[in-house]
Amino acid sequence: MDDTKDTPPEQSDNNKKKVPPSPEYIKQMVPSYKSSRPNTPVGNKQKAGSAELDPTTLYLNEIGHKPLLSATEEIRLARKVALGDADSKKQMIESNLRLVVTLAKRSLNRGLSFLDLIEEGNLGLIRAVEKFDPELGYRFSTYATWWIKQSIDRAIMNNGKTIRMPIHLIKEINACTRIIRQLTEELGREPSDEELAARMGKSVSYIAKLRKKEVKVCSADTPLPQDEDKSLLDIFPDDASVDPQSILEKEDLQQKLERWVERLDARESEIVARRFGLYGYESSTLDEVGREVGLTRERVRQIQLEALSRLRRFVEREGIKLELLDQGFPR
């Protein structure tokens, strides 16, 4: 099922279509990385000392100074937002821009640039601030995560350049590309499916399916358009490197854990999220979490143990081994 069609937990859109915020509105409400670009002619690079003024770095530095909100501050500001207070709305947005950056990083290499992902995520953040109901008892970041992810995913799906394939298939296509190139050089022509199958040790029907993926042959020494100092040889995968599949599996487990955490009550969900770095939070100690939520270190520990006990029951019902639970939590 397409997650973008779901509604966030316990709050609905009332099936009303709303016009998305205009670019002018975004510029007014969110610190703009575009306004931070050096005002120099195209092709020139302005430098501060020896450091190039990179728009991404400037934007991240700018939002890094925005203080995070406590639970009490969130409730106070959200109530003002509901009454139409623009200043409170802007403060809630600016205090959660780092959450957008964290979620945007997870969608890199899916067809949009990092800054475009951030801008799309900011649209979701604005909508979350507008629709958040503080009386339901859970933290804003838990609610906003859904809207931010939805906005980013929708933009990626609408981008025609997006191509998503399983890792194993990408590896096979890369291998097929290399063999096609080798045989083309040896034979002086493009190899047939039979010749390619014999070299790769695969069936002819399997090779035919791979070649339908529009594998293109070009010289391994062809410079890359974005970096003429590098060629295709520089980016072929190294078999000795870490298997990307294991990384993806761990990320998938963490996403499942985040969904399970949403099934806890509001206090348990917040403490687990802050302790283990979910929903864009940085991993925190018991003392740090206690200061953030206004509880003692011992009380935070007790709530954490109760929450983890419930999570383990969720995991058991899903048929996942208990030892995998610890792997899913960032440390």
C-alpha atoms as a PDB file:
ATOM      1  CA  MET A   1       0.000   0.000   0.000  1.00  0.00           C
ATOM      2  CA  ASP A   2       1.217   3.496  -0.778  1.00  0.00           C
ATOM      3  CA  ASP A   3       2.112   5.195   2.531  1.00  0.00           C
ATOM      4  CA  THR A   4       1.384   8.584   1.027  1.00  0.00           C
ATOM      5  CA  LYS A   5      -2.313   7.699   0.970  1.00  0.00           C
ATOM      6  CA  ASP A   6      -2.462   6.883   4.671  1.00  0.00           C
ATOM      7  CA  THR A   7      -3.343   9.410   7.322  1.00  0.00           C
ATOM      8  CA  PRO A   8      -1.023  10.204  10.235  1.00  0.00           C
ATOM      9  CA  PRO A   9      -1.742   8.563  13.603  1.00  0.00           C
ATOM     10  CA  GLU A  10      -4.943   9.765  15.274  1.00  0.00           C
ATOM     11  CA  GLN A  11      -5.250  12.866  13.086  1.00  0.00           C
ATOM     12  CA  SER A  12      -6.963  12.988   9.691  1.00  0.00           C
ATOM     13  CA  ASP A  13      -6.961  15.357   6.761  1.00  0.00           C
ATOM     14  CA  ASN A  14     -10.760  15.403   6.730  1.00  0.00           C
ATOM     15  CA  ASN A  15     -10.493  14.480   3.042  1.00  0.00           C
ATOM     16  CA  LYS A  16     -10.066  18.131   2.115  1.00  0.00           C
ATOM     17  CA  LYS A  17      -7.730  19.089  -0.701  1.00  0.00           C
ATOM     18  CA  LYS A  18      -5.578  22.043   0.238  1.00  0.00           C
ATOM     19  CA  VAL A  19      -3.342  24.184  -1.902  1.00  0.00           C
ATOM     20  CA  PRO A  20       0.321  23.557  -0.977  1.00  0.00           C
ATOM     21  CA  PRO A  21       2.314  26.490   0.412  1.00  0.00           C
ATOM     22  CA  SER A  22       3.639  28.798  -2.284  1.00  0.00           C
ATOM     23  CA  PRO A  23       7.398  29.404  -2.742  1.00  0.00           C
ATOM     24  CA  GLU A  24       6.903  32.926  -1.399  1.00  0.00           C
ATOM     25  CA  TYR A  25       5.296  31.509   1.736  1.00  0.00           C
ATOM     26  CA  ILE A  26       8.158  29.067   2.248  1.00  0.00           C
ATOM     27  CA  LYS A  27      10.713  31.862   1.931  1.00  0.00           C
ATOM     28  CA  GLN A  28       8.799  33.832   4.547  1.00  0.00           C
ATOM     29  CA  MET A  29       8.465  30.964   7.044  1.00  0.00           C
ATOM     30  CA  VAL A  30      11.690  28.967   6.560  1.00  0.00           C
ATOM     31  CA  PRO A  31      15.329  30.135   6.465  1.00  0.00           C
ATOM     32  CA  SER A  32      16.192  29.837   2.777  1.00  0.00           C
ATOM     33  CA  TYR A  33      19.381  28.160   1.637  1.00  0.00           C
ATOM     34  CA  LYS A  34      18.812  29.818  -1.740  1.00  0.00           C
ATOM     35  CA  SER A  35      18.992  33.281  -0.229  1.00  0.00           C
ATOM     36  CA  SER A  36      22.337  32.237   1.252  1.00  0.00           C
ATOM     37  CA  ARG A  37      23.927  31.592  -2.143  1.00  0.00           C
ATOM     38  CA  PRO A  38      26.873  33.877  -2.868  1.00  0.00           C
ATOM     39  CA  ASN A  39      25.799  36.770  -5.075  1.00  0.00           C
ATOM     40  CA  THR A  40      28.390  36.158  -7.773  1.00  0.00           C
ATOM     41  CA  PRO A  41      28.193  35.582 -11.525  1.00  0.00           C
ATOM     42  CA  VAL A  42      27.635  32.011 -12.704  1.00  0.00           C
ATOM     43  CA  GLY A  43      30.899  30.105 -12.858  1.00  0.00           C
ATOM     44  CA  ASN A  44      32.667  32.229 -10.253  1.00  0.00           C
ATOM     45  CA  LYS A  45      33.199  30.810  -6.776  1.00  0.00           C
ATOM     46  CA  GLN A  46      33.268  33.171  -3.863  1.00  0.00           C
ATOM     47  CA  LYS A  47      35.397  32.003  -0.979  1.00  0.00           C
ATOM     48  CA  ALA A  48      35.641  32.967   2.666  1.00  0.00           C
ATOM     49  CA  GLY A  49      39.349  32.518   3.362  1.00  0.00           C
ATOM     50  CA  SER A  50      40.045  29.131   1.789  1.00  0.00           C
ATOM     51  CA  ALA A  51      36.576  27.685   2.369  1.00  0.00           C
ATOM     52  CA  GLU A  52      34.068  27.755  -0.461  1.00  0.00           C
ATOM     53  CA  LEU A  53      30.664  29.128   0.504  1.00  0.00           C
ATOM     54  CA  ASP A  54      28.596  26.029  -0.165  1.00  0.00           C
ATOM     55  CA  PRO A  55      24.802  26.654  -0.022  1.00  0.00           C
ATOM     56  CA  THR A  56      24.149  23.377   1.794  1.00  0.00           C
ATOM     57  CA  THR A  57      26.727  24.162   4.480  1.00  0.00           C
ATOM     58  CA  LEU A  58      25.414  27.696   4.896  1.00  0.00           C
ATOM     59  CA  TYR A  59      21.859  26.436   5.324  1.00  0.00           C
ATOM     60  CA  LEU A  60      22.821  23.723   7.815  1.00  0.00           C
ATOM     61  CA  ASN A  61      24.879  26.221   9.809  1.00  0.00           C
ATOM     62  CA  GLU A  62      21.945  28.626   9.870  1.00  0.00           C
ATOM     63  CA  ILE A  63      19.376  26.130  11.147  1.00  0.00           C
ATOM     64  CA  GLY A  64      21.868  24.598  13.585  1.00  0.00           C
ATOM     65  CA  HIS A  65      21.532  27.644  15.827  1.00  0.00           C
ATOM     66  CA  LYS A  66      17.767  27.215  16.241  1.00  0.00           C
ATOM     67  CA  PRO A  67      16.981  25.856  19.738  1.00  0.00           C
ATOM     68  CA  LEU A  68      14.912  22.696  20.139  1.00  0.00           C
ATOM     69  CA  LEU A  69      11.592  22.891  21.958  1.00  0.00           C
ATOM     70  CA  SER A  70      10.645  21.117  25.158  1.00  0.00           C
ATOM     71  CA  ALA A  71       7.315  19.289  25.393  1.00  0.00           C
ATOM     72  CA  THR A  72       5.823  22.176  27.364  1.00  0.00           C
ATOM     73  CA  GLU A  73       6.982  24.739  24.810  1.00  0.00           C
ATOM     74  CA  GLU A  74       5.536  22.676  21.966  1.00  0.00           C
ATOM     75  CA  ILE A  75       2.117  22.578  23.593  1.00  0.00           C
ATOM     76  CA  ARG A  76       2.174  26.310  24.322  1.00  0.00           C
ATOM     77  CA  LEU A  77       3.223  27.244  20.787  1.00  0.00           C
ATOM     78  CA  ALA A  78       0.873  24.761  19.103  1.00  0.00           C
ATOM     79  CA  ARG A  79      -2.080  26.236  20.962  1.00  0.00           C
ATOM     80  CA  LYS A  80      -1.079  29.691  19.745  1.00  0.00           C
ATOM     81  CA  VAL A  81      -0.693  28.389  16.193  1.00  0.00           C
ATOM     82  CA  ALA A  82      -4.258  27.081  16.358  1.00  0.00           C
ATOM     83  CA  LEU A  83      -5.343  30.641  17.181  1.00  0.00           C
ATOM     84  CA  GLY A  84      -3.508  32.022  14.157  1.00  0.00           C
ATOM     85  CA  ASP A  85      -0.293  33.288  15.776  1.00  0.00           C
ATOM     86  CA  ALA A  86       2.234  33.545  12.908  1.00  0.00           C
ATOM     87  CA  ASP A  87       5.249  34.069  15.199  1.00  0.00           C
ATOM     88  CA  SER A  88       4.543  30.846  17.095  1.00  0.00           C
ATOM     89  CA  LYS A  89       4.120  29.002  13.825  1.00  0.00           C
ATOM     90  CA  LYS A  90       7.459  30.258  12.559  1.00  0.00           C
ATOM     91  CA  GLN A  91       9.177  29.283  15.812  1.00  0.00           C
ATOM     92  CA  MET A  92       7.800  25.731  15.645  1.00  0.00           C
ATOM     93  CA  ILE A  93       8.949  25.392  12.036  1.00  0.00           C
ATOM     94  CA  GLU A  94      12.454  26.715  12.669  1.00  0.00           C
ATOM     95  CA  SER A  95      12.924  24.522  15.748  1.00  0.00           C
ATOM     96  CA  ASN A  96      12.233  21.374  13.715  1.00  0.00           C
ATOM     97  CA  LEU A  97      14.216  22.062  10.539  1.00  0.00           C
ATOM     98  CA  ARG A  98      16.952  19.658  11.676  1.00  0.00           C
ATOM     99  CA  LEU A  99      14.371  16.859  11.741  1.00  0.00           C
ATOM    100  CA  VAL A 100      13.720  17.545   8.046  1.00  0.00           C
ATOM    101  CA  VAL A 101      17.444  17.320   7.286  1.00  0.00           C
ATOM    102  CA  THR A 102      17.714  13.970   9.094  1.00  0.00           C
ATOM    103  CA  LEU A 103      14.796  12.503   7.156  1.00  0.00           C
ATOM    104  CA  ALA A 104      16.004  13.990   3.862  1.00  0.00           C
ATOM    105  CA  LYS A 105      19.348  12.178   4.254  1.00  0.00           C
ATOM    106  CA  ARG A 106      17.508   8.851   4.224  1.00  0.00           C
ATOM    107  CA  SER A 107      16.150   9.599   0.736  1.00  0.00           C
ATOM    108  CA  LEU A 108      19.421  10.524  -0.968  1.00  0.00           C
ATOM    109  CA  ASN A 109      20.197   8.917  -4.349  1.00  0.00           C
ATOM    110  CA  ARG A 110      16.538   8.558  -5.256  1.00  0.00           C
ATOM    111  CA  GLY A 111      16.372  11.193  -7.983  1.00  0.00           C
ATOM    112  CA  LEU A 112      16.414  14.513  -6.094  1.00  0.00           C
ATOM    113  CA  SER A 113      19.306  16.592  -4.795  1.00  0.00           C
ATOM    114  CA  PHE A 114      19.828  16.995  -1.049  1.00  0.00           C
ATOM    115  CA  LEU A 115      18.620  20.597  -1.088  1.00  0.00           C
ATOM    116  CA  ASP A 116      15.527  19.658  -3.102  1.00  0.00           C
ATOM    117  CA  LEU A 117      14.753  16.901  -0.589  1.00  0.00           C
ATOM    118  CA  ILE A 118      15.082  19.420   2.242  1.00  0.00           C
ATOM    119  CA  GLU A 119      12.795  21.890   0.495  1.00  0.00           C
ATOM    120  CA  GLU A 120      10.149  19.208  -0.083  1.00  0.00           C
ATOM    121  CA  GLY A 121      10.488  18.064   3.523  1.00  0.00           C
ATOM    122  CA  ASN A 122      10.015  21.633   4.711  1.00  0.00           C
ATOM    123  CA  LEU A 123       6.671  21.692   2.886  1.00  0.00           C
ATOM    124  CA  GLY A 124       5.614  18.675   4.923  1.00  0.00           C
ATOM    125  CA  LEU A 125       6.885  20.300   8.117  1.00  0.00           C
ATOM    126  CA  ILE A 126       4.805  23.419   7.466  1.00  0.00           C
ATOM    127  CA  ARG A 127       1.700  21.300   6.927  1.00  0.00           C
ATOM    128  CA  ALA A 128       2.420  19.350  10.132  1.00  0.00           C
ATOM    129  CA  VAL A 129       2.657  22.568  12.163  1.00  0.00           C
ATOM    130  CA  GLU A 130      -0.663  23.715  10.711  1.00  0.00           C
ATOM    131  CA  LYS A 131      -2.457  20.465  11.549  1.00  0.00           C
ATOM    132  CA  PHE A 132      -0.845  19.377  14.832  1.00  0.00           C
ATOM    133  CA  ASP A 133      -3.208  18.913  17.787  1.00  0.00           C
ATOM    134  CA  PRO A 134      -1.213  19.171  21.054  1.00  0.00           C
ATOM    135  CA  GLU A 135      -4.107  17.847  23.123  1.00  0.00           C
ATOM    136  CA  LEU A 136      -3.659  14.292  21.800  1.00  0.00           C
ATOM    137  CA  GLY A 137      -0.640  13.759  24.031  1.00  0.00           C
ATOM    138  CA  TYR A 138       2.315  12.871  21.816  1.00  0.00           C
ATOM    139  CA  ARG A 139       5.326  14.894  20.719  1.00  0.00           C
ATOM    140  CA  PHE A 140       5.263  17.032  17.592  1.00  0.00           C
ATOM    141  CA  SER A 141       8.272  15.260  16.047  1.00  0.00           C
ATOM    142  CA  THR A 142       6.386  11.952  16.075  1.00  0.00           C
ATOM    143  CA  TYR A 143       3.514  13.532  14.159  1.00  0.00           C
ATOM    144  CA  ALA A 144       5.655  15.694  11.853  1.00  0.00           C
ATOM    145  CA  THR A 145       7.776  12.742  10.732  1.00  0.00           C
ATOM    146  CA  TRP A 146       4.803  11.322   8.826  1.00  0.00           C
ATOM    147  CA  TRP A 147       4.086  14.579   6.990  1.00  0.00           C
ATOM    148  CA  ILE A 148       7.754  15.192   6.150  1.00  0.00           C
ATOM    149  CA  LYS A 149       8.245  11.671   4.784  1.00  0.00           C
ATOM    150  CA  GLN A 150       5.003  11.932   2.817  1.00  0.00           C
ATOM    151  CA  SER A 151       6.062  15.191   1.185  1.00  0.00           C
ATOM    152  CA  ILE A 152       9.518  13.857   0.287  1.00  0.00           C
ATOM    153  CA  ASP A 153       8.214  10.540  -1.048  1.00  0.00           C
ATOM    154  CA  ARG A 154       5.542  12.242  -3.146  1.00  0.00           C
ATOM    155  CA  ALA A 155       8.145  14.524  -4.725  1.00  0.00           C
ATOM    156  CA  ILE A 156      10.390  11.555  -5.501  1.00  0.00           C
ATOM    157  CA  MET A 157       7.525   9.634  -7.102  1.00  0.00           C
ATOM    158  CA  ASN A 158       6.687  12.666  -9.253  1.00  0.00           C
ATOM    159  CA  ASN A 159      10.287  12.921 -10.441  1.00  0.00           C
ATOM    160  CA  GLY A 160      10.641  11.181 -13.766  1.00  0.00           C
ATOM    161  CA  LYS A 161      14.306  10.345 -13.179  1.00  0.00           C
ATOM    162  CA  THR A 162      13.581   8.065 -10.254  1.00  0.00           C
ATOM    163  CA  ILE A 163      14.520   4.407 -10.877  1.00  0.00           C
ATOM    164  CA  ARG A 164      14.329   1.999  -7.960  1.00  0.00           C
ATOM    165  CA  MET A 165      15.583  -1.576  -8.325  1.00  0.00           C
ATOM    166  CA  PRO A 166      16.690  -4.247  -5.845  1.00  0.00           C
ATOM    167  CA  ILE A 167      20.377  -4.188  -4.946  1.00  0.00           C
ATOM    168  CA  HIS A 168      20.996  -7.689  -6.338  1.00  0.00           C
ATOM    169  CA  LEU A 169      19.505  -6.679  -9.695  1.00  0.00           C
ATOM    170  CA  ILE A 170      21.669  -3.562  -9.864  1.00  0.00           C
ATOM    171  CA  LYS A 171      24.744  -5.756  -9.261  1.00  0.00           C
ATOM    172  CA  GLU A 172      23.703  -8.134 -12.042  1.00  0.00           C
ATOM    173  CA  ILE A 173      23.125  -5.246 -14.453  1.00  0.00           C
ATOM    174  CA  ASN A 174      26.545  -3.802 -13.598  1.00  0.00           C
ATOM    175  CA  ALA A 175      28.160  -7.186 -14.218  1.00  0.00           C
ATOM    176  CA  CYS A 176      26.262  -7.577 -17.478  1.00  0.00           C
ATOM    177  CA  THR A 177      27.408  -4.132 -18.596  1.00  0.00           C
ATOM    178  CA  ARG A 178      31.051  -5.003 -17.963  1.00  0.00           C
ATOM    179  CA  ILE A 179      30.813  -8.313 -19.850  1.00  0.00           C
ATOM    180  CA  ILE A 180      29.033  -6.664 -22.796  1.00  0.00           C
ATOM    181  CA  ARG A 181      31.843  -4.131 -22.982  1.00  0.00           C
ATOM    182  CA  GLN A 182      34.528  -6.827 -22.838  1.00  0.00           C
ATOM    183  CA  LEU A 183      32.886  -8.988 -25.509  1.00  0.00           C
ATOM    184  CA  THR A 184      32.253  -5.981 -27.733  1.00  0.00           C
ATOM    185  CA  GLU A 185      35.984  -5.195 -27.656  1.00  0.00           C
ATOM    186  CA  GLU A 186      36.916  -8.843 -28.280  1.00  0.00           C
ATOM    187  CA  LEU A 187      34.410  -9.529 -31.063  1.00  0.00           C
ATOM    188  CA  GLY A 188      34.282  -6.105 -32.649  1.00  0.00           C
ATOM    189  CA  ARG A 189      30.496  -6.163 -32.355  1.00  0.00           C
ATOM    190  CA  GLU A 190      27.796  -6.353 -29.718  1.00  0.00           C
ATOM    191  CA  PRO A 191      27.542  -9.909 -28.330  1.00  0.00           C
ATOM    192  CA  SER A 192      24.454 -12.059 -28.731  1.00  0.00           C
ATOM    193  CA  ASP A 193      22.410 -13.249 -25.757  1.00  0.00           C
ATOM    194  CA  GLU A 194      23.893 -16.738 -26.169  1.00  0.00           C
ATOM    195  CA  GLU A 195      27.482 -15.426 -26.090  1.00  0.00           C
ATOM    196  CA  LEU A 196      26.737 -13.252 -23.076  1.00  0.00           C
ATOM    197  CA  ALA A 197      25.014 -16.132 -21.254  1.00  0.00           C
ATOM    198  CA  ALA A 198      27.996 -18.418 -21.846  1.00  0.00           C
ATOM    199  CA  ARG A 199      30.450 -15.856 -20.480  1.00  0.00           C
ATOM    200  CA  MET A 200      28.331 -15.052 -17.389  1.00  0.00           C
ATOM    201  CA  GLY A 201      27.215 -18.611 -16.692  1.00  0.00           C
ATOM    202  CA  LYS A 202      23.540 -17.640 -16.862  1.00  0.00           C
ATOM    203  CA  SER A 203      20.599 -18.843 -18.916  1.00  0.00           C
ATOM    204  CA  VAL A 204      19.773 -17.143 -22.205  1.00  0.00           C
ATOM    205  CA  SER A 205      16.302 -16.195 -20.935  1.00  0.00           C
ATOM    206  CA  TYR A 206      17.797 -14.513 -17.862  1.00  0.00           C
ATOM    207  CA  ILE A 207      20.237 -12.532 -20.017  1.00  0.00           C
ATOM    208  CA  ALA A 208      17.364 -11.435 -22.256  1.00  0.00           C
ATOM    209  CA  LYS A 209      15.525 -10.056 -19.229  1.00  0.00           C
ATOM    210  CA  LEU A 210      18.612  -8.174 -18.058  1.00  0.00           C
ATOM    211  CA  ARG A 211      19.168  -6.615 -21.456  1.00  0.00           C
ATOM    212  CA  LYS A 212      15.596  -5.332 -21.486  1.00  0.00           C
ATOM    213  CA  LYS A 213      16.656  -3.056 -18.634  1.00  0.00           C
ATOM    214  CA  GLU A 214      18.339  -0.918 -21.336  1.00  0.00           C
ATOM    215  CA  VAL A 215      21.914  -1.562 -20.250  1.00  0.00           C
ATOM    216  CA  LYS A 216      24.029   0.866 -22.258  1.00  0.00           C
ATOM    217  CA  VAL A 217      27.595   0.165 -23.394  1.00  0.00           C
ATOM    218  CA  CYS A 218      30.209   2.879 -23.210  1.00  0.00           C
ATOM    219  CA  SER A 219      33.928   3.114 -22.666  1.00  0.00           C
ATOM    220  CA  ALA A 220      35.117   2.511 -19.124  1.00  0.00           C
ATOM    221  CA  ASP A 221      37.445   5.462 -19.579  1.00  0.00           C
ATOM    222  CA  THR A 222      34.622   7.879 -20.450  1.00  0.00           C
ATOM    223  CA  PRO A 223      34.804  10.871 -18.065  1.00  0.00           C
ATOM    224  CA  LEU A 224      31.811  11.356 -15.806  1.00  0.00           C
ATOM    225  CA  PRO A 225      29.783  14.473 -16.727  1.00  0.00           C
ATOM    226  CA  GLN A 226      29.728  15.743 -13.143  1.00  0.00           C
ATOM    227  CA  ASP A 227      33.456  15.108 -12.559  1.00  0.00           C
ATOM    228  CA  GLU A 228      35.758  14.913 -15.573  1.00  0.00           C
ATOM    229  CA  ASP A 229      38.636  13.725 -13.367  1.00  0.00           C
ATOM    230  CA  LYS A 230      36.808  10.414 -12.789  1.00  0.00           C
ATOM    231  CA  SER A 231      35.679   7.668 -15.172  1.00  0.00           C
ATOM    232  CA  LEU A 232      33.297   4.715 -14.902  1.00  0.00           C
ATOM    233  CA  LEU A 233      36.189   2.592 -13.618  1.00  0.00           C
ATOM    234  CA  ASP A 234      36.265   4.766 -10.504  1.00  0.00           C
ATOM    235  CA  ILE A 235      32.660   3.997  -9.581  1.00  0.00           C
ATOM    236  CA  PHE A 236      32.335   0.267 -10.313  1.00  0.00           C
ATOM    237  CA  PRO A 237      31.396  -1.470  -7.048  1.00  0.00           C
ATOM    238  CA  ASP A 238      34.187  -3.047  -5.015  1.00  0.00           C
ATOM    239  CA  ASP A 239      33.347  -6.649  -4.085  1.00  0.00           C
ATOM    240  CA  ALA A 240      35.402  -6.240  -0.892  1.00  0.00           C
ATOM    241  CA  SER A 241      33.259  -3.354   0.341  1.00  0.00           C
ATOM    242  CA  VAL A 242      30.378  -3.595   2.817  1.00  0.00           C
ATOM    243  CA  ASP A 243      27.317  -5.295   1.338  1.00  0.00           C
ATOM    244  CA  PRO A 244      24.658  -2.608   0.720  1.00  0.00           C
ATOM    245  CA  GLN A 245      21.930  -5.192   1.312  1.00  0.00           C
ATOM    246  CA  SER A 246      22.889  -5.528   4.987  1.00  0.00           C
ATOM    247  CA  ILE A 247      22.685  -1.746   5.367  1.00  0.00           C
ATOM    248  CA  LEU A 248      19.251  -1.637   3.737  1.00  0.00           C
ATOM    249  CA  GLU A 249      17.999  -4.484   5.923  1.00  0.00           C
ATOM    250  CA  LYS A 250      19.059  -2.627   9.066  1.00  0.00           C
ATOM    251  CA  GLU A 251      17.377   0.580   7.847  1.00  0.00           C
ATOM    252  CA  ASP A 252      14.204  -1.396   7.109  1.00  0.00           C
ATOM    253  CA  LEU A 253      14.256  -2.847  10.634  1.00  0.00           C
ATOM    254  CA  GLN A 254      14.646   0.634  12.120  1.00  0.00           C
ATOM    255  CA  GLN A 255      11.643   1.861  10.111  1.00  0.00           C
ATOM    256  CA  LYS A 256       9.606  -1.035  11.483  1.00  0.00           C
ATOM    257  CA  LEU A 257      10.766  -0.179  15.002  1.00  0.00           C
ATOM    258  CA  GLU A 258       9.590   3.397  14.527  1.00  0.00           C
ATOM    259  CA  ARG A 259       6.145   2.112  13.577  1.00  0.00           C
ATOM    260  CA  TRP A 260       6.089  -0.111  16.665  1.00  0.00           C
ATOM    261  CA  VAL A 261       7.173   2.789  18.879  1.00  0.00           C
ATOM    262  CA  GLU A 262       4.146   4.747  17.644  1.00  0.00           C
ATOM    263  CA  ARG A 263       1.959   2.064  19.242  1.00  0.00           C
ATOM    264  CA  LEU A 264       3.325   2.879  22.705  1.00  0.00           C
ATOM    265  CA  ASP A 265       1.677   5.547  24.819  1.00  0.00           C
ATOM    266  CA  ALA A 266       2.861   9.138  24.374  1.00  0.00           C
ATOM    267  CA  ARG A 267       5.371   9.177  27.252  1.00  0.00           C
ATOM    268  CA  GLU A 268       6.895   5.796  26.429  1.00  0.00           C
ATOM    269  CA  SER A 269       7.147   6.715  22.749  1.00  0.00           C
ATOM    270  CA  GLU A 270       8.947   9.978  23.481  1.00  0.00           C
ATOM    271  CA  ILE A 271      11.436   8.437  25.906  1.00  0.00           C
ATOM    272  CA  VAL A 272      12.321   5.551  23.586  1.00  0.00           C
ATOM    273  CA  ALA A 273      12.681   7.961  20.646  1.00  0.00           C
ATOM    274  CA  ARG A 274      15.001  10.263  22.609  1.00  0.00           C
ATOM    275  CA  ARG A 275      17.042   7.430  24.105  1.00  0.00           C
ATOM    276  CA  PHE A 276      17.701   5.573  20.874  1.00  0.00           C
ATOM    277  CA  GLY A 277      17.730   8.349  18.270  1.00  0.00           C
ATOM    278  CA  LEU A 278      14.458   7.688  16.443  1.00  0.00           C
ATOM    279  CA  TYR A 279      12.381  10.254  14.494  1.00  0.00           C
ATOM    280  CA  GLY A 280      15.370  12.526  13.983  1.00  0.00           C
ATOM    281  CA  TYR A 281      16.368  12.787  17.656  1.00  0.00           C
ATOM    282  CA  GLU A 282      20.002  12.376  18.673  1.00  0.00           C
ATOM    283  CA  SER A 283      20.638   9.419  20.999  1.00  0.00           C
ATOM    284  CA  SER A 284      20.593  10.731  24.580  1.00  0.00           C
ATOM    285  CA  THR A 285      21.579   9.495  28.036  1.00  0.00           C
ATOM    286  CA  LEU A 286      19.044   8.837  30.789  1.00  0.00           C
ATOM    287  CA  ASP A 287      20.054  12.106  32.457  1.00  0.00           C
ATOM    288  CA  GLU A 288      19.629  14.099  29.231  1.00  0.00           C
ATOM    289  CA  VAL A 289      16.218  12.601  28.538  1.00  0.00           C
ATOM    290  CA  GLY A 290      15.168  13.283  32.120  1.00  0.00           C
ATOM    291  CA  ARG A 291      16.039  16.968  31.779  1.00  0.00           C
ATOM    292  CA  GLU A 292      14.150  17.218  28.471  1.00  0.00           C
ATOM    293  CA  VAL A 293      10.924  15.624  29.732  1.00  0.00           C
ATOM    294  CA  GLY A 294      11.062  16.807  33.338  1.00  0.00           C
ATOM    295  CA  LEU A 295      11.555  13.413  35.020  1.00  0.00           C
ATOM    296  CA  THR A 296      14.241  11.870  37.208  1.00  0.00           C
ATOM    297  CA  ARG A 297      16.874   9.598  35.714  1.00  0.00           C
ATOM    298  CA  GLU A 298      15.448   6.598  37.568  1.00  0.00           C
ATOM    299  CA  ARG A 299      11.898   7.277  36.358  1.00  0.00           C
ATOM    300  CA  VAL A 300      13.120   7.536  32.758  1.00  0.00           C
ATOM    301  CA  ARG A 301      14.900   4.187  33.179  1.00  0.00           C
ATOM    302  CA  GLN A 302      11.725   2.564  34.537  1.00  0.00           C
ATOM    303  CA  ILE A 303       9.587   3.873  31.672  1.00  0.00           C
ATOM    304  CA  GLN A 304      12.216   2.747  29.177  1.00  0.00           C
ATOM    305  CA  LEU A 305      12.197  -0.800  30.589  1.00  0.00           C
ATOM    306  CA  GLU A 306       8.392  -0.931  30.451  1.00  0.00           C
ATOM    307  CA  ALA A 307       8.390   0.380  26.880  1.00  0.00           C
ATOM    308  CA  LEU A 308      11.049  -2.076  25.696  1.00  0.00           C
ATOM    309  CA  SER A 309       9.139  -4.930  27.287  1.00  0.00           C
ATOM    310  CA  ARG A 310       6.059  -3.953  25.258  1.00  0.00           C
ATOM    311  CA  LEU A 311       8.149  -3.548  22.111  1.00  0.00           C
ATOM    312  CA  ARG A 312       9.529  -7.059  22.511  1.00  0.00           C
ATOM    313  CA  ARG A 313       5.983  -8.409  22.619  1.00  0.00           C
ATOM    314  CA  PHE A 314       5.221  -6.561  19.362  1.00  0.00           C
ATOM    315  CA  VAL A 315       8.383  -8.021  17.826  1.00  0.00           C
ATOM    316  CA  GLU A 316       7.551 -11.569  18.899  1.00  0.00           C
ATOM    317  CA  ARG A 317       4.138 -11.321  17.249  1.00  0.00           C
ATOM    318  CA  GLU A 318       5.859 -10.231  14.012  1.00  0.00           C
ATOM    319  CA  GLY A 319       8.094 -13.308  14.139  1.00  0.00           C
ATOM    320  CA  ILE A 320      11.348 -11.323  14.370  1.00  0.00           C
ATOM    321  CA  LYS A 321      14.181 -12.678  16.514  1.00  0.00           C
ATOM    322  CA  LEU A 322      14.594 -10.785  19.764  1.00  0.00           C
ATOM    323  CA  GLU A 323      18.330 -10.244  19.284  1.00  0.00           C
ATOM    324  CA  LEU A 324      17.531  -8.181  16.177  1.00  0.00           C
ATOM    325  CA  LEU A 325      15.696  -5.638  18.321  1.00  0.00           C
ATOM    326  CA  ASP A 326      18.943  -4.266  19.716  1.00  0.00           C
ATOM    327  CA  GLN A 327      20.440  -4.026  16.214  1.00  0.00           C
ATOM    328  CA  GLY A 328      17.632  -1.781  15.052  1.00  0.00           C
ATOM    329  CA  PHE A 329      18.249   0.918  17.633  1.00  0.00           C
ATOM    330  CA  PRO A 330      20.974   3.452  16.755  1.00  0.00           C
ATOM    331  CA  ARG A 331      23.597   3.802  19.469  1.00  0.00           C
END
